[in-house]
PDB file of all heavy atoms in Angstrom:
ATOM      1  N   ALA A   1      51.701 165.367-168.042  1.00  0.00           N
ATOM      2  CA  ALA A   1      51.425 165.724-169.434  1.00  0.00           C
ATOM      3  C   ALA A   1      51.682 167.207-169.686  1.00  0.00           C
ATOM      4  O   ALA A   1      52.279 167.581-170.699  1.00  0.00           O
ATOM      5  CB  ALA A   1      49.982 165.373-169.791  1.00  0.00           C
ATOM      6  N   ALA A   2      51.262 168.057-168.747  1.00  0.00           N
ATOM      7  CA  ALA A   2      51.487 169.500-168.901  1.00  0.00           C
ATOM      8  C   ALA A   2      52.978 169.823-168.872  1.00  0.00           C
ATOM      9  O   ALA A   2      53.461 170.641-169.672  1.00  0.00           O
ATOM     10  CB  ALA A   2      50.754 170.261-167.802  1.00  0.00           C
ATOM     11  N   ASP A   3      53.726 169.169-167.977  1.00  0.00           N
ATOM     12  CA  ASP A   3      55.171 169.382-167.906  1.00  0.00           C
ATOM     13  C   ASP A   3      55.860 168.930-169.186  1.00  0.00           C
ATOM     14  O   ASP A   3      56.750 169.615-169.702  1.00  0.00           O
ATOM     15  CB  ASP A   3      55.775 168.649-166.711  1.00  0.00           C
ATOM     16  CG  ASP A   3      55.400 169.260-165.375  1.00  0.00           C
ATOM     17  OD1 ASP A   3      54.882 170.403-165.374  1.00  0.00           O
ATOM     18  OD2 ASP A   3      55.613 168.602-164.345  1.00  0.00           O
ATOM     19  N   ALA A   4      55.441 167.775-169.708  1.00  0.00           N
ATOM     20  CA  ALA A   4      56.032 167.266-170.945  1.00  0.00           C
ATOM     21  C   ALA A   4      55.746 168.210-172.109  1.00  0.00           C
ATOM     22  O   ALA A   4      56.619 168.470-172.948  1.00  0.00           O
ATOM     23  CB  ALA A   4      55.497 165.868-171.247  1.00  0.00           C
ATOM     24  N   MET A   5      54.538 168.753-172.159  1.00  0.00           N
ATOM     25  CA  MET A   5      54.181 169.687-173.225  1.00  0.00           C
ATOM     26  C   MET A   5      55.006 170.971-173.113  1.00  0.00           C
ATOM     27  O   MET A   5      55.496 171.488-174.119  1.00  0.00           O
ATOM     28  CB  MET A   5      52.682 170.000-173.165  1.00  0.00           C
ATOM     29  CG  MET A   5      52.141 170.672-174.399  1.00  0.00           C
ATOM     30  SD  MET A   5      52.234 169.663-175.883  1.00  0.00           S
ATOM     31  CE  MET A   5      50.798 168.645-175.686  1.00  0.00           C
ATOM     32  N   THR A   6      55.189 171.461-171.896  1.00  0.00           N
ATOM     33  CA  THR A   6      55.998 172.660-171.685  1.00  0.00           C
ATOM     34  C   THR A   6      57.447 172.412-172.092  1.00  0.00           C
ATOM     35  O   THR A   6      58.054 173.247-172.778  1.00  0.00           O
ATOM     36  CB  THR A   6      55.939 173.094-170.202  1.00  0.00           C
ATOM     37  OG1 THR A   6      54.585 173.391-169.872  1.00  0.00           O
ATOM     38  CG2 THR A   6      56.794 174.307-169.945  1.00  0.00           C
ATOM     39  N   ASN A   7      57.994 171.269-171.697  1.00  0.00           N
ATOM     40  CA  ASN A   7      59.375 170.945-172.059  1.00  0.00           C
ATOM     41  C   ASN A   7      59.539 170.837-173.571  1.00  0.00           C
ATOM     42  O   ASN A   7      60.517 171.339-174.133  1.00  0.00           O
ATOM     43  CB  ASN A   7      59.817 169.642-171.395  1.00  0.00           C
ATOM     44  CG  ASN A   7      59.974 169.766-169.906  1.00  0.00           C
ATOM     45  OD1 ASN A   7      60.126 170.865-169.382  1.00  0.00           O
ATOM     46  ND2 ASN A   7      59.926 168.649-169.202  1.00  0.00           N
ATOM     47  N   ALA A   8      58.593 170.177-174.230  1.00  0.00           N
ATOM     48  CA  ALA A   8      58.660 170.036-175.685  1.00  0.00           C
ATOM     49  C   ALA A   8      58.577 171.403-176.364  1.00  0.00           C
ATOM     50  O   ALA A   8      59.330 171.701-177.296  1.00  0.00           O
ATOM     51  CB  ALA A   8      57.533 169.122-176.181  1.00  0.00           C
ATOM     52  N   ARG A   9      57.690 172.255-175.884  1.00  0.00           N
ATOM     53  CA  ARG A   9      57.523 173.591-176.463  1.00  0.00           C
ATOM     54  C   ARG A   9      58.784 174.436-176.252  1.00  0.00           C
ATOM     55  O   ARG A   9      59.251 175.113-177.176  1.00  0.00           O
ATOM     56  CB  ARG A   9      56.308 174.276-175.839  1.00  0.00           C
ATOM     57  CG  ARG A   9      55.864 175.520-176.570  1.00  0.00           C
ATOM     58  CD  ARG A   9      54.585 176.110-175.996  1.00  0.00           C
ATOM     59  NE  ARG A   9      53.554 175.119-175.769  1.00  0.00           N
ATOM     60  CZ  ARG A   9      53.036 174.818-174.574  1.00  0.00           C
ATOM     61  NH1 ARG A   9      53.434 175.450-173.492  1.00  0.00           N
ATOM     62  NH2 ARG A   9      52.100 173.900-174.457  1.00  0.00           N
ATOM     63  N   ASP A  10      59.347 174.374-175.056  1.00  0.00           N
ATOM     64  CA  ASP A  10      60.565 175.133-174.765  1.00  0.00           C
ATOM     65  C   ASP A  10      61.733 174.677-175.633  1.00  0.00           C
ATOM     66  O   ASP A  10      62.491 175.503-176.155  1.00  0.00           O
ATOM     67  CB  ASP A  10      60.943 175.008-173.284  1.00  0.00           C
ATOM     68  CG  ASP A  10      59.995 175.750-172.359  1.00  0.00           C
ATOM     69  OD1 ASP A  10      59.178 176.558-172.872  1.00  0.00           O
ATOM     70  OD2 ASP A  10      60.070 175.522-171.140  1.00  0.00           O
ATOM     71  N   PHE A  11      61.889 173.374-175.779  1.00  0.00           N
ATOM     72  CA  PHE A  11      62.976 172.842-176.601  1.00  0.00           C
ATOM     73  C   PHE A  11      62.784 173.242-178.058  1.00  0.00           C
ATOM     74  O   PHE A  11      63.737 173.626-178.744  1.00  0.00           O
ATOM     75  CB  PHE A  11      63.061 171.324-176.446  1.00  0.00           C
ATOM     76  CG  PHE A  11      64.261 170.709-177.103  1.00  0.00           C
ATOM     77  CD1 PHE A  11      65.539 171.096-176.737  1.00  0.00           C
ATOM     78  CD2 PHE A  11      64.117 169.734-178.066  1.00  0.00           C
ATOM     79  CE1 PHE A  11      66.653 170.524-177.336  1.00  0.00           C
ATOM     80  CE2 PHE A  11      65.222 169.161-178.669  1.00  0.00           C
ATOM     81  CZ  PHE A  11      66.493 169.553-178.301  1.00  0.00           C
ATOM     82  N   ASP A  12      61.553 173.157-178.520  1.00  0.00           N
ATOM     83  CA  ASP A  12      61.240 173.540-179.896  1.00  0.00           C
ATOM     84  C   ASP A  12      61.557 175.025-180.130  1.00  0.00           C
ATOM     85  O   ASP A  12      62.159 175.387-181.140  1.00  0.00           O
ATOM     86  CB  ASP A  12      59.765 173.272-180.183  1.00  0.00           C
ATOM     87  CG  ASP A  12      59.515 172.839-181.602  1.00  0.00           C
ATOM     88  OD1 ASP A  12      60.468 172.405-182.270  1.00  0.00           O
ATOM     89  OD2 ASP A  12      58.365 172.947-182.049  1.00  0.00           O
ATOM     90  N   GLU A  13      61.156 175.880-179.196  1.00  0.00           N
ATOM     91  CA  GLU A  13      61.433 177.311-179.326  1.00  0.00           C
ATOM     92  C   GLU A  13      62.930 177.586-179.299  1.00  0.00           C
ATOM     93  O   GLU A  13      63.424 178.458-180.020  1.00  0.00           O
ATOM     94  CB  GLU A  13      60.732 178.097-178.214  1.00  0.00           C
ATOM     95  CG  GLU A  13      59.237 178.187-178.405  1.00  0.00           C
ATOM     96  CD  GLU A  13      58.522 178.860-177.248  1.00  0.00           C
ATOM     97  OE1 GLU A  13      59.219 179.363-176.329  1.00  0.00           O
ATOM     98  OE2 GLU A  13      57.288 178.868-177.255  1.00  0.00           O
ATOM     99  N   PHE A  14      63.679 176.835-178.502  1.00  0.00           N
ATOM    100  CA  PHE A  14      65.123 176.982-178.460  1.00  0.00           C
ATOM    101  C   PHE A  14      65.737 176.653-179.824  1.00  0.00           C
ATOM    102  O   PHE A  14      66.617 177.367-180.309  1.00  0.00           O
ATOM    103  CB  PHE A  14      65.705 176.066-177.379  1.00  0.00           C
ATOM    104  CG  PHE A  14      67.196 175.943-177.434  1.00  0.00           C
ATOM    105  CD1 PHE A  14      68.003 176.970-176.980  1.00  0.00           C
ATOM    106  CD2 PHE A  14      67.786 174.796-177.937  1.00  0.00           C
ATOM    107  CE1 PHE A  14      69.386 176.859-177.028  1.00  0.00           C
ATOM    108  CE2 PHE A  14      69.165 174.681-177.984  1.00  0.00           C
ATOM    109  CZ  PHE A  14      69.966 175.711-177.525  1.00  0.00           C
ATOM    110  N   LEU A  15      65.236 175.587-180.448  1.00  0.00           N
ATOM    111  CA  LEU A  15      65.794 175.184-181.741  1.00  0.00           C
ATOM    112  C   LEU A  15      65.395 176.133-182.864  1.00  0.00           C
ATOM    113  O   LEU A  15      66.155 176.346-183.804  1.00  0.00           O
ATOM    114  CB  LEU A  15      65.350 173.759-182.097  1.00  0.00           C
ATOM    115  CG  LEU A  15      65.948 172.650-181.241  1.00  0.00           C
ATOM    116  CD1 LEU A  15      65.348 171.314-181.646  1.00  0.00           C
ATOM    117  CD2 LEU A  15      67.455 172.621-181.366  1.00  0.00           C
ATOM    118  N   ILE A  16      64.218 176.703-182.775  1.00  0.00           N
ATOM    119  CA  ILE A  16      63.722 177.589-183.830  1.00  0.00           C
ATOM    120  C   ILE A  16      64.295 178.991-183.676  1.00  0.00           C
ATOM    121  O   ILE A  16      64.333 179.756-184.627  1.00  0.00           O
ATOM    122  CB  ILE A  16      62.181 177.613-183.820  1.00  0.00           C
ATOM    123  CG1 ILE A  16      61.651 176.244-184.217  1.00  0.00           C
ATOM    124  CG2 ILE A  16      61.646 178.671-184.765  1.00  0.00           C
ATOM    125  CD1 ILE A  16      60.165 176.097-184.087  1.00  0.00           C
ATOM    126  N   GLY A  17      64.798 179.311-182.483  1.00  0.00           N
ATOM    127  CA  GLY A  17      65.320 180.657-182.221  1.00  0.00           C
ATOM    128  C   GLY A  17      66.247 181.154-183.319  1.00  0.00           C
ATOM    129  O   GLY A  17      66.896 180.382-184.030  1.00  0.00           O
ATOM    130  N   GLU A  18      66.297 182.457-183.469  1.00  0.00           N
ATOM    131  CA  GLU A  18      67.103 183.069-184.535  1.00  0.00           C
ATOM    132  C   GLU A  18      68.586 182.816-184.291  1.00  0.00           C
ATOM    133  O   GLU A  18      69.100 183.007-183.203  1.00  0.00           O
ATOM    134  CB  GLU A  18      66.836 184.570-184.587  1.00  0.00           C
ATOM    135  CG  GLU A  18      67.463 185.229-185.788  1.00  0.00           C
ATOM    136  CD  GLU A  18      67.075 186.688-185.896  1.00  0.00           C
ATOM    137  OE1 GLU A  18      65.974 187.027-185.445  1.00  0.00           O
ATOM    138  OE2 GLU A  18      67.886 187.459-186.417  1.00  0.00           O
ATOM    139  N   ASP A  19      69.272 182.379-185.331  1.00  0.00           N
ATOM    140  CA  ASP A  19      70.703 182.111-185.272  1.00  0.00           C
ATOM    141  C   ASP A  19      71.436 183.251-185.978  1.00  0.00           C
ATOM    142  O   ASP A  19      71.324 183.399-187.184  1.00  0.00           O
ATOM    143  CB  ASP A  19      70.989 180.772-185.957  1.00  0.00           C
ATOM    144  CG  ASP A  19      72.438 180.343-185.837  1.00  0.00           C
ATOM    145  OD1 ASP A  19      73.215 181.019-185.140  1.00  0.00           O
ATOM    146  OD2 ASP A  19      72.798 179.338-186.457  1.00  0.00           O
ATOM    147  N   PRO A  20      72.198 184.078-185.245  1.00  0.00           N
ATOM    148  CA  PRO A  20      72.854 185.229-185.883  1.00  0.00           C
ATOM    149  C   PRO A  20      73.880 184.824-186.937  1.00  0.00           C
ATOM    150  O   PRO A  20      74.168 185.583-187.847  1.00  0.00           O
ATOM    151  CB  PRO A  20      73.521 185.959-184.718  1.00  0.00           C
ATOM    152  CG  PRO A  20      73.641 184.947-183.639  1.00  0.00           C
ATOM    153  CD  PRO A  20      72.515 183.979-183.832  1.00  0.00           C
ATOM    154  N   TRP A  21      74.408 183.610-186.857  1.00  0.00           N
ATOM    155  CA  TRP A  21      75.403 183.162-187.831  1.00  0.00           C
ATOM    156  C   TRP A  21      74.743 182.507-189.042  1.00  0.00           C
ATOM    157  O   TRP A  21      75.420 182.133-189.983  1.00  0.00           O
ATOM    158  CB  TRP A  21      76.375 182.181-187.172  1.00  0.00           C
ATOM    159  CG  TRP A  21      77.111 182.805-186.034  1.00  0.00           C
ATOM    160  CD1 TRP A  21      76.866 182.609-184.713  1.00  0.00           C
ATOM    161  CD2 TRP A  21      78.153 183.758-186.114  1.00  0.00           C
ATOM    162  NE1 TRP A  21      77.704 183.375-183.953  1.00  0.00           N
ATOM    163  CE2 TRP A  21      78.518 184.092-184.792  1.00  0.00           C
ATOM    164  CE3 TRP A  21      78.832 184.376-187.159  1.00  0.00           C
ATOM    165  CZ2 TRP A  21      79.518 184.998-184.492  1.00  0.00           C
ATOM    166  CZ3 TRP A  21      79.838 185.273-186.843  1.00  0.00           C
ATOM    167  CH2 TRP A  21      80.173 185.574-185.535  1.00  0.00           C
ATOM    168  N   ARG A  22      73.442 182.372-188.987  1.00  0.00           N
ATOM    169  CA  ARG A  22      72.669 181.749-190.061  1.00  0.00           C
ATOM    170  C   ARG A  22      73.198 180.352-190.412  1.00  0.00           C
ATOM    171  O   ARG A  22      73.193 179.923-191.535  1.00  0.00           O
ATOM    172  CB  ARG A  22      72.665 182.631-191.310  1.00  0.00           C
ATOM    173  CG  ARG A  22      72.139 184.009-191.069  1.00  0.00           C
ATOM    174  CD  ARG A  22      70.930 184.260-191.955  1.00  0.00           C
ATOM    175  NE  ARG A  22      70.503 185.631-191.821  1.00  0.00           N
ATOM    176  CZ  ARG A  22      69.534 186.018-191.013  1.00  0.00           C
ATOM    177  NH1 ARG A  22      68.924 185.161-190.261  1.00  0.00           N
ATOM    178  NH2 ARG A  22      69.169 187.270-190.958  1.00  0.00           N
ATOM    179  N   ASP A  23      73.682 179.681-189.410  1.00  0.00           N
ATOM    180  CA  ASP A  23      74.195 178.337-189.588  1.00  0.00           C
ATOM    181  C   ASP A  23      73.621 177.482-188.461  1.00  0.00           C
ATOM    182  O   ASP A  23      73.427 177.965-187.350  1.00  0.00           O
ATOM    183  CB  ASP A  23      75.719 178.359-189.526  1.00  0.00           C
ATOM    184  CG  ASP A  23      76.329 177.077-190.053  1.00  0.00           C
ATOM    185  OD1 ASP A  23      75.599 176.289-190.683  1.00  0.00           O
ATOM    186  OD2 ASP A  23      77.533 176.871-189.823  1.00  0.00           O
ATOM    187  N   LYS A  24      73.354 176.266-188.771  1.00  0.00           N
ATOM    188  CA  LYS A  24      72.793 175.376-187.760  1.00  0.00           C
ATOM    189  C   LYS A  24      73.924 174.575-187.111  1.00  0.00           C
ATOM    190  O   LYS A  24      74.882 174.198-187.778  1.00  0.00           O
ATOM    191  CB  LYS A  24      71.772 174.417-188.395  1.00  0.00           C
ATOM    192  CG  LYS A  24      70.610 175.135-189.051  1.00  0.00           C
ATOM    193  CD  LYS A  24      69.871 175.988-188.061  1.00  0.00           C
ATOM    194  CE  LYS A  24      68.731 176.725-188.737  1.00  0.00           C
ATOM    195  NZ  LYS A  24      68.190 177.791-187.969  1.00  0.00           N
ATOM    196  N   PRO A  25      73.812 174.311-185.804  1.00  0.00           N
ATOM    197  CA  PRO A  25      74.878 173.575-185.108  1.00  0.00           C
ATOM    198  C   PRO A  25      74.945 172.126-185.570  1.00  0.00           C
ATOM    199  O   PRO A  25      74.006 171.593-186.159  1.00  0.00           O
ATOM    200  CB  PRO A  25      74.460 173.670-183.643  1.00  0.00           C
ATOM    201  CG  PRO A  25      72.990 173.873-183.673  1.00  0.00           C
ATOM    202  CD  PRO A  25      72.712 174.651-184.932  1.00  0.00           C
ATOM    203  N   HIS A  26      76.066 171.513-185.289  1.00  0.00           N
ATOM    204  CA  HIS A  26      76.240 170.097-185.593  1.00  0.00           C
ATOM    205  C   HIS A  26      75.169 169.293-184.847  1.00  0.00           C
ATOM    206  O   HIS A  26      74.935 169.512-183.667  1.00  0.00           O
ATOM    207  CB  HIS A  26      77.639 169.638-185.165  1.00  0.00           C
ATOM    208  CG  HIS A  26      77.895 168.200-185.439  1.00  0.00           C
ATOM    209  ND1 HIS A  26      78.004 167.704-186.711  1.00  0.00           N
ATOM    210  CD2 HIS A  26      78.024 167.152-184.603  1.00  0.00           C
ATOM    211  CE1 HIS A  26      78.213 166.405-186.660  1.00  0.00           C
ATOM    212  NE2 HIS A  26      78.230 166.049-185.379  1.00  0.00           N
ATOM    213  N   GLY A  27      74.523 168.398-185.531  1.00  0.00           N
ATOM    214  CA  GLY A  27      73.483 167.580-184.917  1.00  0.00           C
ATOM    215  C   GLY A  27      72.114 168.241-184.894  1.00  0.00           C
ATOM    216  O   GLY A  27      71.206 167.760-184.213  1.00  0.00           O
ATOM    217  N   TYR A  28      71.945 169.325-185.640  1.00  0.00           N
ATOM    218  CA  TYR A  28      70.667 170.049-185.626  1.00  0.00           C
ATOM    219  C   TYR A  28      69.517 169.147-186.069  1.00  0.00           C
ATOM    220  O   TYR A  28      68.442 169.165-185.481  1.00  0.00           O
ATOM    221  CB  TYR A  28      70.753 171.288-186.526  1.00  0.00           C
ATOM    222  CG  TYR A  28      69.473 172.080-186.584  1.00  0.00           C
ATOM    223  CD1 TYR A  28      69.099 172.899-185.527  1.00  0.00           C
ATOM    224  CD2 TYR A  28      68.622 171.993-187.693  1.00  0.00           C
ATOM    225  CE1 TYR A  28      67.926 173.626-185.559  1.00  0.00           C
ATOM    226  CE2 TYR A  28      67.444 172.721-187.730  1.00  0.00           C
ATOM    227  CZ  TYR A  28      67.100 173.536-186.669  1.00  0.00           C
ATOM    228  OH  TYR A  28      65.936 174.242-186.707  1.00  0.00           O
ATOM    229  N   GLY A  29      69.755 168.350-187.104  1.00  0.00           N
ATOM    230  CA  GLY A  29      68.712 167.446-187.599  1.00  0.00           C
ATOM    231  C   GLY A  29      68.260 166.463-186.532  1.00  0.00           C
ATOM    232  O   GLY A  29      67.069 166.201-186.372  1.00  0.00           O
ATOM    233  N   GLU A  30      69.219 165.933-185.796  1.00  0.00           N
ATOM    234  CA  GLU A  30      68.893 164.993-184.725  1.00  0.00           C
ATOM    235  C   GLU A  30      68.126 165.695-183.607  1.00  0.00           C
ATOM    236  O   GLU A  30      67.212 165.139-183.010  1.00  0.00           O
ATOM    237  CB  GLU A  30      70.171 164.351-184.162  1.00  0.00           C
ATOM    238  CG  GLU A  30      70.832 163.359-185.086  1.00  0.00           C
ATOM    239  CD  GLU A  30      71.665 164.008-186.191  1.00  0.00           C
ATOM    240  OE1 GLU A  30      71.871 165.250-186.167  1.00  0.00           O
ATOM    241  OE2 GLU A  30      72.099 163.286-187.090  1.00  0.00           O
ATOM    242  N   GLN A  31      68.514 166.939-183.334  1.00  0.00           N
ATOM    243  CA  GLN A  31      67.809 167.703-182.311  1.00  0.00           C
ATOM    244  C   GLN A  31      66.373 167.979-182.736  1.00  0.00           C
ATOM    245  O   GLN A  31      65.450 167.931-181.912  1.00  0.00           O
ATOM    246  CB  GLN A  31      68.546 169.010-182.015  1.00  0.00           C
ATOM    247  CG  GLN A  31      69.864 168.809-181.314  1.00  0.00           C
ATOM    248  CD  GLN A  31      70.624 170.104-181.130  1.00  0.00           C
ATOM    249  OE1 GLN A  31      70.252 171.151-181.646  1.00  0.00           O
ATOM    250  NE2 GLN A  31      71.714 170.039-180.369  1.00  0.00           N
ATOM    251  N   ARG A  32      66.159 168.274-184.012  1.00  0.00           N
ATOM    252  CA  ARG A  32      64.790 168.478-184.515  1.00  0.00           C
ATOM    253  C   ARG A  32      63.986 167.183-184.390  1.00  0.00           C
ATOM    254  O   ARG A  32      62.814 167.201-184.039  1.00  0.00           O
ATOM    255  CB  ARG A  32      64.802 168.957-185.968  1.00  0.00           C
ATOM    256  CG  ARG A  32      65.385 170.335-186.196  1.00  0.00           C
ATOM    257  CD  ARG A  32      64.631 171.446-185.511  1.00  0.00           C
ATOM    258  NE  ARG A  32      63.265 171.497-185.976  1.00  0.00           N
ATOM    259  CZ  ARG A  32      62.250 171.951-185.257  1.00  0.00           C
ATOM    260  NH1 ARG A  32      62.465 172.419-184.057  1.00  0.00           N
ATOM    261  NH2 ARG A  32      61.044 171.955-185.739  1.00  0.00           N
ATOM    262  N   GLY A  33      64.645 166.067-184.681  1.00  0.00           N
ATOM    263  CA  GLY A  33      63.977 164.774-184.520  1.00  0.00           C
ATOM    264  C   GLY A  33      63.593 164.511-183.079  1.00  0.00           C
ATOM    265  O   GLY A  33      62.500 164.010-182.786  1.00  0.00           O
ATOM    266  N   LEU A  34      64.498 164.866-182.165  1.00  0.00           N
ATOM    267  CA  LEU A  34      64.207 164.710-180.738  1.00  0.00           C
ATOM    268  C   LEU A  34      63.044 165.604-180.330  1.00  0.00           C
ATOM    269  O   LEU A  34      62.159 165.192-179.573  1.00  0.00           O
ATOM    270  CB  LEU A  34      65.444 165.036-179.899  1.00  0.00           C
ATOM    271  CG  LEU A  34      65.267 164.973-178.389  1.00  0.00           C
ATOM    272  CD1 LEU A  34      64.873 163.565-177.941  1.00  0.00           C
ATOM    273  CD2 LEU A  34      66.548 165.409-177.686  1.00  0.00           C
ATOM    274  N   ALA A  35      63.025 166.830-180.836  1.00  0.00           N
ATOM    275  CA  ALA A  35      61.926 167.755-180.516  1.00  0.00           C
ATOM    276  C   ALA A  35      60.596 167.194-181.011  1.00  0.00           C
ATOM    277  O   ALA A  35      59.581 167.265-180.309  1.00  0.00           O
ATOM    278  CB  ALA A  35      62.189 169.122-181.143  1.00  0.00           C
ATOM    279  N   LYS A  36      60.612 166.610-182.205  1.00  0.00           N
ATOM    280  CA  LYS A  36      59.383 166.020-182.758  1.00  0.00           C
ATOM    281  C   LYS A  36      58.927 164.847-181.895  1.00  0.00           C
ATOM    282  O   LYS A  36      57.736 164.694-181.607  1.00  0.00           O
ATOM    283  CB  LYS A  36      59.644 165.563-184.192  1.00  0.00           C
ATOM    284  CG  LYS A  36      58.442 165.020-184.890  1.00  0.00           C
ATOM    285  CD  LYS A  36      58.763 164.661-186.333  1.00  0.00           C
ATOM    286  CE  LYS A  36      57.546 164.110-187.042  1.00  0.00           C
ATOM    287  NZ  LYS A  36      57.850 163.752-188.425  1.00  0.00           N
ATOM    288  N   GLN A  37      59.880 164.029-181.452  1.00  0.00           N
ATOM    289  CA  GLN A  37      59.558 162.890-180.593  1.00  0.00           C
ATOM    290  C   GLN A  37      59.012 163.363-179.243  1.00  0.00           C
ATOM    291  O   GLN A  37      58.060 162.785-178.710  1.00  0.00           O
ATOM    292  CB  GLN A  37      60.806 162.037-180.405  1.00  0.00           C
ATOM    293  CG  GLN A  37      60.564 160.747-179.673  1.00  0.00           C
ATOM    294  CD  GLN A  37      61.831 159.933-179.565  1.00  0.00           C
ATOM    295  OE1 GLN A  37      62.942 160.474-179.547  1.00  0.00           O
ATOM    296  NE2 GLN A  37      61.681 158.624-179.480  1.00  0.00           N
ATOM    297  N   MET A  38      59.608 164.424-178.695  1.00  0.00           N
ATOM    298  CA  MET A  38      59.124 164.974-177.421  1.00  0.00           C
ATOM    299  C   MET A  38      57.695 165.480-177.558  1.00  0.00           C
ATOM    300  O   MET A  38      56.869 165.279-176.662  1.00  0.00           O
ATOM    301  CB  MET A  38      60.038 166.110-176.955  1.00  0.00           C
ATOM    302  CG  MET A  38      61.389 165.662-176.438  1.00  0.00           C
ATOM    303  SD  MET A  38      62.503 167.043-176.061  1.00  0.00           S
ATOM    304  CE  MET A  38      61.692 167.771-174.641  1.00  0.00           C
ATOM    305  N   ARG A  39      57.386 166.152-178.668  1.00  0.00           N
ATOM    306  CA  ARG A  39      56.020 166.648-178.905  1.00  0.00           C
ATOM    307  C   ARG A  39      55.037 165.495-178.989  1.00  0.00           C
ATOM    308  O   ARG A  39      53.950 165.543-178.406  1.00  0.00           O
ATOM    309  CB  ARG A  39      55.965 167.469-180.187  1.00  0.00           C
ATOM    310  CG  ARG A  39      56.101 168.937-179.999  1.00  0.00           C
ATOM    311  CD  ARG A  39      55.726 169.745-181.231  1.00  0.00           C
ATOM    312  NE  ARG A  39      56.151 169.176-182.491  1.00  0.00           N
ATOM    313  CZ  ARG A  39      57.373 169.303-183.030  1.00  0.00           C
ATOM    314  NH1 ARG A  39      58.293 169.977-182.395  1.00  0.00           N
ATOM    315  NH2 ARG A  39      57.656 168.778-184.201  1.00  0.00           N
ATOM    316  N   ALA A  40      55.420 164.436-179.727  1.00  0.00           N
ATOM    317  CA  ALA A  40      54.532 163.281-179.874  1.00  0.00           C
ATOM    318  C   ALA A  40      54.274 162.612-178.525  1.00  0.00           C
ATOM    319  O   ALA A  40      53.130 162.237-178.214  1.00  0.00           O
ATOM    320  CB  ALA A  40      55.125 162.281-180.858  1.00  0.00           C
ATOM    321  N   THR A  41      55.306 162.482-177.712  1.00  0.00           N
ATOM    322  CA  THR A  41      55.149 161.885-176.388  1.00  0.00           C
ATOM    323  C   THR A  41      54.250 162.749-175.504  1.00  0.00           C
ATOM    324  O   THR A  41      53.377 162.243-174.804  1.00  0.00           O
ATOM    325  CB  THR A  41      56.526 161.695-175.722  1.00  0.00           C
ATOM    326  OG1 THR A  41      57.329 160.849-176.543  1.00  0.00           O
ATOM    327  CG2 THR A  41      56.401 161.096-174.339  1.00  0.00           C
ATOM    328  N   ALA A  42      54.462 164.054-175.552  1.00  0.00           N
ATOM    329  CA  ALA A  42      53.651 164.976-174.755  1.00  0.00           C
ATOM    330  C   ALA A  42      52.187 164.923-175.188  1.00  0.00           C
ATOM    331  O   ALA A  42      51.285 164.922-174.339  1.00  0.00           O
ATOM    332  CB  ALA A  42      54.187 166.398-174.877  1.00  0.00           C
ATOM    333  N   GLU A  43      51.945 164.867-176.488  1.00  0.00           N
ATOM    334  CA  GLU A  43      50.562 164.790-176.979  1.00  0.00           C
ATOM    335  C   GLU A  43      49.910 163.480-176.556  1.00  0.00           C
ATOM    336  O   GLU A  43      48.740 163.462-176.164  1.00  0.00           O
ATOM    337  CB  GLU A  43      50.537 164.950-178.494  1.00  0.00           C
ATOM    338  CG  GLU A  43      50.857 166.368-178.945  1.00  0.00           C
ATOM    339  CD  GLU A  43      51.090 166.493-180.446  1.00  0.00           C
ATOM    340  OE1 GLU A  43      51.025 165.464-181.164  1.00  0.00           O
ATOM    341  OE2 GLU A  43      51.356 167.621-180.891  1.00  0.00           O
ATOM    342  N   ALA A  44      50.662 162.367-176.615  1.00  0.00           N
ATOM    343  CA  ALA A  44      50.116 161.076-176.186  1.00  0.00           C
ATOM    344  C   ALA A  44      49.793 161.094-174.697  1.00  0.00           C
ATOM    345  O   ALA A  44      48.744 160.583-174.273  1.00  0.00           O
ATOM    346  CB  ALA A  44      51.105 159.954-176.504  1.00  0.00           C
ATOM    347  N   LEU A  45      50.664 161.685-173.881  1.00  0.00           N
ATOM    348  CA  LEU A  45      50.390 161.805-172.448  1.00  0.00           C
ATOM    349  C   LEU A  45      49.169 162.668-172.186  1.00  0.00           C
ATOM    350  O   LEU A  45      48.361 162.371-171.298  1.00  0.00           O
ATOM    351  CB  LEU A  45      51.598 162.400-171.724  1.00  0.00           C
ATOM    352  CG  LEU A  45      52.729 161.450-171.378  1.00  0.00           C
ATOM    353  CD1 LEU A  45      53.938 162.227-170.867  1.00  0.00           C
ATOM    354  CD2 LEU A  45      52.275 160.441-170.347  1.00  0.00           C
TER     355      LEU A  45
END
């Protein structure tokens, strides 16, 4: 559970990180969805 929470937090921080081009990469929405799913799984664990 602790590992899953750390992984979810790290992935979330990676996605939220500042983008110098002020543009989001292709598939950003799906990546945010994956991050949300990872957080939910980590919280359930």
